[in-house]
Amino acid sequence: LQFVIGAPMQNCALALYFFMAARHGKTADDLAKAERYVNVIVFFYALSTSIALLLLDQYNPIGAVCWVVGSPSGCDESTFQGGSSDPELAIPCERGENAWLYGM
């Protein structure tokens, strides 16, 4: 699912292409040159973040899919608020520390 980050990035690039064509009179040839670079950048960004999160043990199951969450569910280091303020009730993360940061 992390690889899907490329979809909104491609959508943004497409909107930029239309803007450049309509507002600045860029031709299809001009935009085709830029399109190659944008496609490569978007693909490698999505691929590299997916691999990095895999290597950092950030993916954990949530129902039918895996996503960037802490494991076990609700562990202290995986939420923005930091979980329980009582150290005795704190649940240590086995995987997915700082998942709230990576899952944005």
N, C-alpha and C. Protein backbone atom coordinates (compact mmCIF):
# COMPACT_ATOMS: atom_id res chain seq x y z
N LEU A 1 0.80 -1.21 0.00
CA LEU A 1 0.00 0.00 0.00
C LEU A 1 0.84 1.27 0.00
N GLN A 2 2.03 1.22 0.58
CA GLN A 2 2.88 2.40 0.61
C GLN A 2 3.24 2.86 -0.80
N PHE A 3 3.33 1.94 -1.71
CA PHE A 3 3.69 2.27 -3.09
C PHE A 3 2.62 3.15 -3.74
N VAL A 4 1.44 3.16 -3.17
CA VAL A 4 0.32 3.94 -3.72
C VAL A 4 0.57 5.44 -3.59
N ILE A 5 1.57 5.85 -2.79
CA ILE A 5 1.88 7.27 -2.65
C ILE A 5 2.20 7.89 -4.01
N GLY A 6 2.58 7.07 -4.97
CA GLY A 6 2.86 7.57 -6.31
C GLY A 6 1.63 8.08 -7.03
N ALA A 7 0.44 7.59 -6.69
CA ALA A 7 -0.78 8.01 -7.39
C ALA A 7 -1.08 9.49 -7.19
N PRO A 8 -1.12 10.01 -5.96
CA PRO A 8 -1.37 11.44 -5.83
C PRO A 8 -0.22 12.30 -6.39
N MET A 9 0.99 11.76 -6.34
CA MET A 9 2.11 12.50 -6.92
C MET A 9 1.96 12.60 -8.44
N GLN A 10 1.53 11.51 -9.08
CA GLN A 10 1.29 11.53 -10.53
C GLN A 10 0.12 12.47 -10.86
N ASN A 11 -0.90 12.47 -10.01
CA ASN A 11 -2.04 13.35 -10.23
C ASN A 11 -1.61 14.81 -10.15
N CYS A 12 -0.76 15.13 -9.19
CA CYS A 12 -0.25 16.49 -9.06
C CYS A 12 0.57 16.88 -10.30
N ALA A 13 1.39 15.96 -10.79
CA ALA A 13 2.18 16.23 -11.98
C ALA A 13 1.29 16.46 -13.20
N LEU A 14 0.23 15.67 -13.31
CA LEU A 14 -0.71 15.84 -14.43
C LEU A 14 -1.40 17.20 -14.37
N ALA A 15 -1.79 17.62 -13.17
CA ALA A 15 -2.41 18.93 -13.01
C ALA A 15 -1.42 20.03 -13.40
N LEU A 16 -0.15 19.84 -13.03
CA LEU A 16 0.87 20.81 -13.39
C LEU A 16 1.07 20.87 -14.91
N TYR A 17 1.03 19.71 -15.57
CA TYR A 17 1.14 19.68 -17.03
C TYR A 17 0.02 20.48 -17.68
N PHE A 18 -1.21 20.26 -17.21
CA PHE A 18 -2.35 20.99 -17.78
C PHE A 18 -2.22 22.48 -17.52
N PHE A 19 -1.77 22.84 -16.34
CA PHE A 19 -1.57 24.25 -16.02
C PHE A 19 -0.53 24.88 -16.95
N MET A 20 0.58 24.19 -17.12
CA MET A 20 1.65 24.71 -17.98
C MET A 20 1.18 24.84 -19.44
N ALA A 21 0.38 23.89 -19.88
CA ALA A 21 -0.12 23.96 -21.26
C ALA A 21 -1.14 25.08 -21.43
N ALA A 22 -2.05 25.22 -20.49
CA ALA A 22 -3.11 26.21 -20.61
C ALA A 22 -2.61 27.63 -20.31
N ARG A 23 -1.84 27.77 -19.27
CA ARG A 23 -1.45 29.11 -18.83
C ARG A 23 -0.19 29.63 -19.52
N HIS A 24 0.76 28.76 -19.77
CA HIS A 24 2.04 29.20 -20.31
C HIS A 24 2.29 28.74 -21.74
N GLY A 25 1.31 28.08 -22.35
CA GLY A 25 1.41 27.71 -23.76
C GLY A 25 2.47 26.68 -24.09
N LYS A 26 2.79 25.81 -23.14
CA LYS A 26 3.78 24.76 -23.41
C LYS A 26 3.20 23.75 -24.40
N THR A 27 4.04 23.24 -25.26
CA THR A 27 3.60 22.27 -26.26
C THR A 27 3.69 20.86 -25.69
N ALA A 28 3.11 19.93 -26.41
CA ALA A 28 3.16 18.53 -25.98
C ALA A 28 4.59 18.01 -25.97
N ASP A 29 5.41 18.47 -26.89
CA ASP A 29 6.82 18.05 -26.92
C ASP A 29 7.58 18.54 -25.68
N ASP A 30 7.31 19.79 -25.27
CA ASP A 30 7.95 20.32 -24.07
C ASP A 30 7.55 19.50 -22.84
N LEU A 31 6.28 19.20 -22.75
CA LEU A 31 5.79 18.45 -21.59
C LEU A 31 6.25 17.00 -21.62
N ALA A 32 6.43 16.42 -22.80
CA ALA A 32 6.89 15.04 -22.89
C ALA A 32 8.30 14.89 -22.34
N LYS A 33 9.13 15.91 -22.54
CA LYS A 33 10.50 15.88 -21.99
C LYS A 33 10.46 15.84 -20.46
N ALA A 34 9.64 16.70 -19.89
CA ALA A 34 9.53 16.77 -18.43
C ALA A 34 8.85 15.52 -17.87
N GLU A 35 7.93 14.96 -18.62
CA GLU A 35 7.17 13.81 -18.15
C GLU A 35 8.07 12.62 -17.84
N ARG A 36 9.07 12.41 -18.65
CA ARG A 36 10.01 11.30 -18.41
C ARG A 36 10.66 11.42 -17.04
N TYR A 37 11.14 12.61 -16.74
CA TYR A 37 11.82 12.83 -15.47
C TYR A 37 10.86 12.70 -14.29
N VAL A 38 9.67 13.27 -14.44
CA VAL A 38 8.69 13.22 -13.35
C VAL A 38 8.29 11.77 -13.07
N ASN A 39 8.05 10.99 -14.11
CA ASN A 39 7.68 9.59 -13.92
C ASN A 39 8.77 8.81 -13.19
N VAL A 40 10.01 9.04 -13.55
CA VAL A 40 11.13 8.35 -12.90
C VAL A 40 11.23 8.77 -11.44
N ILE A 41 11.11 10.07 -11.17
CA ILE A 41 11.20 10.56 -9.79
C ILE A 41 10.09 9.98 -8.93
N VAL A 42 8.85 10.01 -9.42
CA VAL A 42 7.72 9.48 -8.66
C VAL A 42 7.90 7.98 -8.41
N PHE A 43 8.29 7.23 -9.43
CA PHE A 43 8.45 5.79 -9.27
C PHE A 43 9.52 5.47 -8.23
N PHE A 44 10.68 6.10 -8.33
CA PHE A 44 11.76 5.79 -7.40
C PHE A 44 11.49 6.31 -5.99
N TYR A 45 10.74 7.39 -5.84
CA TYR A 45 10.36 7.85 -4.51
C TYR A 45 9.45 6.83 -3.85
N ALA A 46 8.43 6.39 -4.57
CA ALA A 46 7.51 5.40 -4.02
C ALA A 46 8.23 4.09 -3.71
N LEU A 47 9.09 3.65 -4.60
CA LEU A 47 9.83 2.41 -4.39
C LEU A 47 10.79 2.52 -3.20
N SER A 48 11.52 3.61 -3.12
CA SER A 48 12.52 3.75 -2.05
C SER A 48 11.86 3.89 -0.68
N THR A 49 10.74 4.62 -0.58
CA THR A 49 10.08 4.71 0.72
C THR A 49 9.47 3.38 1.12
N SER A 50 8.96 2.62 0.16
CA SER A 50 8.41 1.30 0.47
C SER A 50 9.49 0.37 1.00
N ILE A 51 10.65 0.37 0.36
CA ILE A 51 11.75 -0.50 0.79
C ILE A 51 12.31 -0.04 2.13
N ALA A 52 12.45 1.27 2.31
CA ALA A 52 12.98 1.79 3.58
C ALA A 52 12.08 1.41 4.74
N LEU A 53 10.77 1.54 4.57
CA LEU A 53 9.85 1.18 5.65
C LEU A 53 9.87 -0.32 5.92
N LEU A 54 10.09 -1.11 4.90
CA LEU A 54 10.21 -2.55 5.07
C LEU A 54 11.46 -2.89 5.89
N LEU A 55 12.57 -2.25 5.57
CA LEU A 55 13.82 -2.49 6.29
C LEU A 55 13.77 -1.97 7.72
N LEU A 56 12.94 -0.96 7.99
CA LEU A 56 12.81 -0.41 9.34
C LEU A 56 11.76 -1.15 10.18
N ASP A 57 11.22 -2.24 9.65
CA ASP A 57 10.20 -3.03 10.35
C ASP A 57 8.98 -2.20 10.74
N GLN A 58 8.51 -1.37 9.84
CA GLN A 58 7.36 -0.52 10.12
C GLN A 58 6.03 -1.14 9.70
N TYR A 59 6.05 -2.13 8.81
CA TYR A 59 4.80 -2.73 8.33
C TYR A 59 4.32 -3.79 9.31
N ASN A 60 3.06 -3.69 9.69
CA ASN A 60 2.43 -4.66 10.57
C ASN A 60 0.99 -4.85 10.12
N PRO A 61 0.39 -6.00 10.44
CA PRO A 61 -0.97 -6.26 9.96
C PRO A 61 -2.01 -5.42 10.69
N ILE A 62 -2.96 -4.89 9.91
CA ILE A 62 -4.16 -4.25 10.46
C ILE A 62 -5.34 -4.77 9.65
N GLY A 63 -5.90 -5.85 10.09
CA GLY A 63 -7.00 -6.46 9.36
C GLY A 63 -6.50 -7.25 8.17
N ALA A 64 -7.02 -6.93 7.00
CA ALA A 64 -6.69 -7.69 5.79
C ALA A 64 -5.43 -7.21 5.09
N VAL A 65 -4.87 -6.09 5.52
CA VAL A 65 -3.69 -5.53 4.86
C VAL A 65 -2.59 -5.25 5.89
N CYS A 66 -1.43 -4.88 5.40
CA CYS A 66 -0.35 -4.44 6.27
C CYS A 66 -0.12 -2.95 6.02
N TRP A 67 0.17 -2.22 7.09
CA TRP A 67 0.37 -0.80 6.98
C TRP A 67 1.39 -0.37 8.02
N VAL A 68 1.73 0.90 8.05
CA VAL A 68 2.72 1.43 8.98
C VAL A 68 2.02 1.67 10.32
N VAL A 69 2.11 0.69 11.20
CA VAL A 69 1.53 0.78 12.55
C VAL A 69 2.47 0.06 13.52
N GLY A 70 2.29 0.38 14.80
CA GLY A 70 3.08 -0.29 15.83
C GLY A 70 2.51 -1.66 16.15
N SER A 71 3.37 -2.51 16.66
CA SER A 71 2.93 -3.84 17.07
C SER A 71 3.60 -4.16 18.40
N PRO A 72 2.86 -4.57 19.40
CA PRO A 72 1.42 -4.82 19.44
C PRO A 72 0.62 -3.52 19.35
N SER A 73 -0.64 -3.65 19.00
CA SER A 73 -1.50 -2.50 18.78
C SER A 73 -1.52 -1.59 20.01
N GLY A 74 -1.31 -0.31 19.77
CA GLY A 74 -1.35 0.67 20.85
C GLY A 74 -0.08 0.80 21.65
N CYS A 75 1.00 0.23 21.16
CA CYS A 75 2.25 0.35 21.92
C CYS A 75 2.67 1.82 22.00
N ASP A 76 3.40 2.17 23.04
CA ASP A 76 3.65 3.57 23.37
C ASP A 76 4.41 4.35 22.31
N GLU A 77 5.43 3.79 21.74
CA GLU A 77 6.26 4.56 20.81
C GLU A 77 5.64 4.69 19.42
N SER A 78 4.49 4.07 19.19
CA SER A 78 3.92 4.09 17.84
C SER A 78 2.82 5.13 17.65
N THR A 79 2.41 5.81 18.72
CA THR A 79 1.33 6.78 18.61
C THR A 79 1.86 8.19 18.82
N PHE A 80 1.15 9.17 18.29
CA PHE A 80 1.57 10.56 18.39
C PHE A 80 1.59 11.04 19.84
N GLN A 81 0.58 10.64 20.62
CA GLN A 81 0.51 11.06 22.01
C GLN A 81 1.49 10.32 22.90
N GLY A 82 2.06 9.25 22.43
CA GLY A 82 3.03 8.51 23.22
C GLY A 82 2.43 7.47 24.13
N GLY A 83 1.15 7.18 24.00
CA GLY A 83 0.54 6.12 24.79
C GLY A 83 0.28 6.52 26.22
N SER A 84 0.47 5.59 27.13
CA SER A 84 0.17 5.79 28.54
C SER A 84 1.22 6.67 29.21
N SER A 85 0.76 7.56 30.11
CA SER A 85 1.70 8.39 30.86
C SER A 85 2.24 7.64 32.07
N ASP A 86 1.59 6.55 32.45
CA ASP A 86 2.04 5.72 33.57
C ASP A 86 3.01 4.67 33.04
N PRO A 87 4.26 4.70 33.50
CA PRO A 87 5.25 3.74 33.00
C PRO A 87 4.89 2.28 33.25
N GLU A 88 4.10 2.02 34.27
CA GLU A 88 3.71 0.64 34.56
C GLU A 88 2.70 0.11 33.56
N LEU A 89 1.92 1.01 32.95
CA LEU A 89 0.91 0.61 31.97
C LEU A 89 1.42 0.70 30.54
N ALA A 90 2.62 1.20 30.37
CA ALA A 90 3.18 1.38 29.03
C ALA A 90 3.39 0.04 28.33
N ILE A 91 3.05 -0.01 27.07
CA ILE A 91 3.24 -1.21 26.26
C ILE A 91 4.42 -0.95 25.33
N PRO A 92 5.53 -1.67 25.47
CA PRO A 92 6.66 -1.43 24.57
C PRO A 92 6.38 -1.97 23.17
N CYS A 93 6.89 -1.29 22.18
CA CYS A 93 6.73 -1.72 20.79
C CYS A 93 7.74 -2.81 20.47
N GLU A 94 7.25 -3.87 19.85
CA GLU A 94 8.15 -4.90 19.33
C GLU A 94 8.60 -4.53 17.92
N ARG A 95 7.69 -3.93 17.17
CA ARG A 95 7.96 -3.46 15.81
C ARG A 95 7.18 -2.17 15.61
N GLY A 96 7.64 -1.34 14.68
CA GLY A 96 6.88 -0.15 14.31
C GLY A 96 7.05 1.03 15.24
N GLU A 97 8.23 1.20 15.84
CA GLU A 97 8.45 2.37 16.67
C GLU A 97 8.36 3.63 15.81
N ASN A 98 7.73 4.66 16.36
CA ASN A 98 7.50 5.93 15.66
C ASN A 98 6.69 5.75 14.38
N ALA A 99 5.77 4.81 14.39
CA ALA A 99 4.94 4.55 13.21
C ALA A 99 4.10 5.75 12.85
N TRP A 100 3.70 6.53 13.83
CA TRP A 100 2.88 7.72 13.55
C TRP A 100 3.64 8.69 12.65
N LEU A 101 4.94 8.75 12.79
CA LEU A 101 5.75 9.65 11.98
C LEU A 101 5.89 9.15 10.54
N TYR A 102 6.15 7.86 10.40
CA TYR A 102 6.35 7.28 9.08
C TYR A 102 5.04 7.10 8.31
N GLY A 103 3.94 6.97 9.02
CA GLY A 103 2.65 6.71 8.38
C GLY A 103 1.97 7.93 7.80
N MET A 104 2.59 9.09 7.95
CA MET A 104 1.96 10.32 7.43
C MET A 104 1.96 10.34 5.94
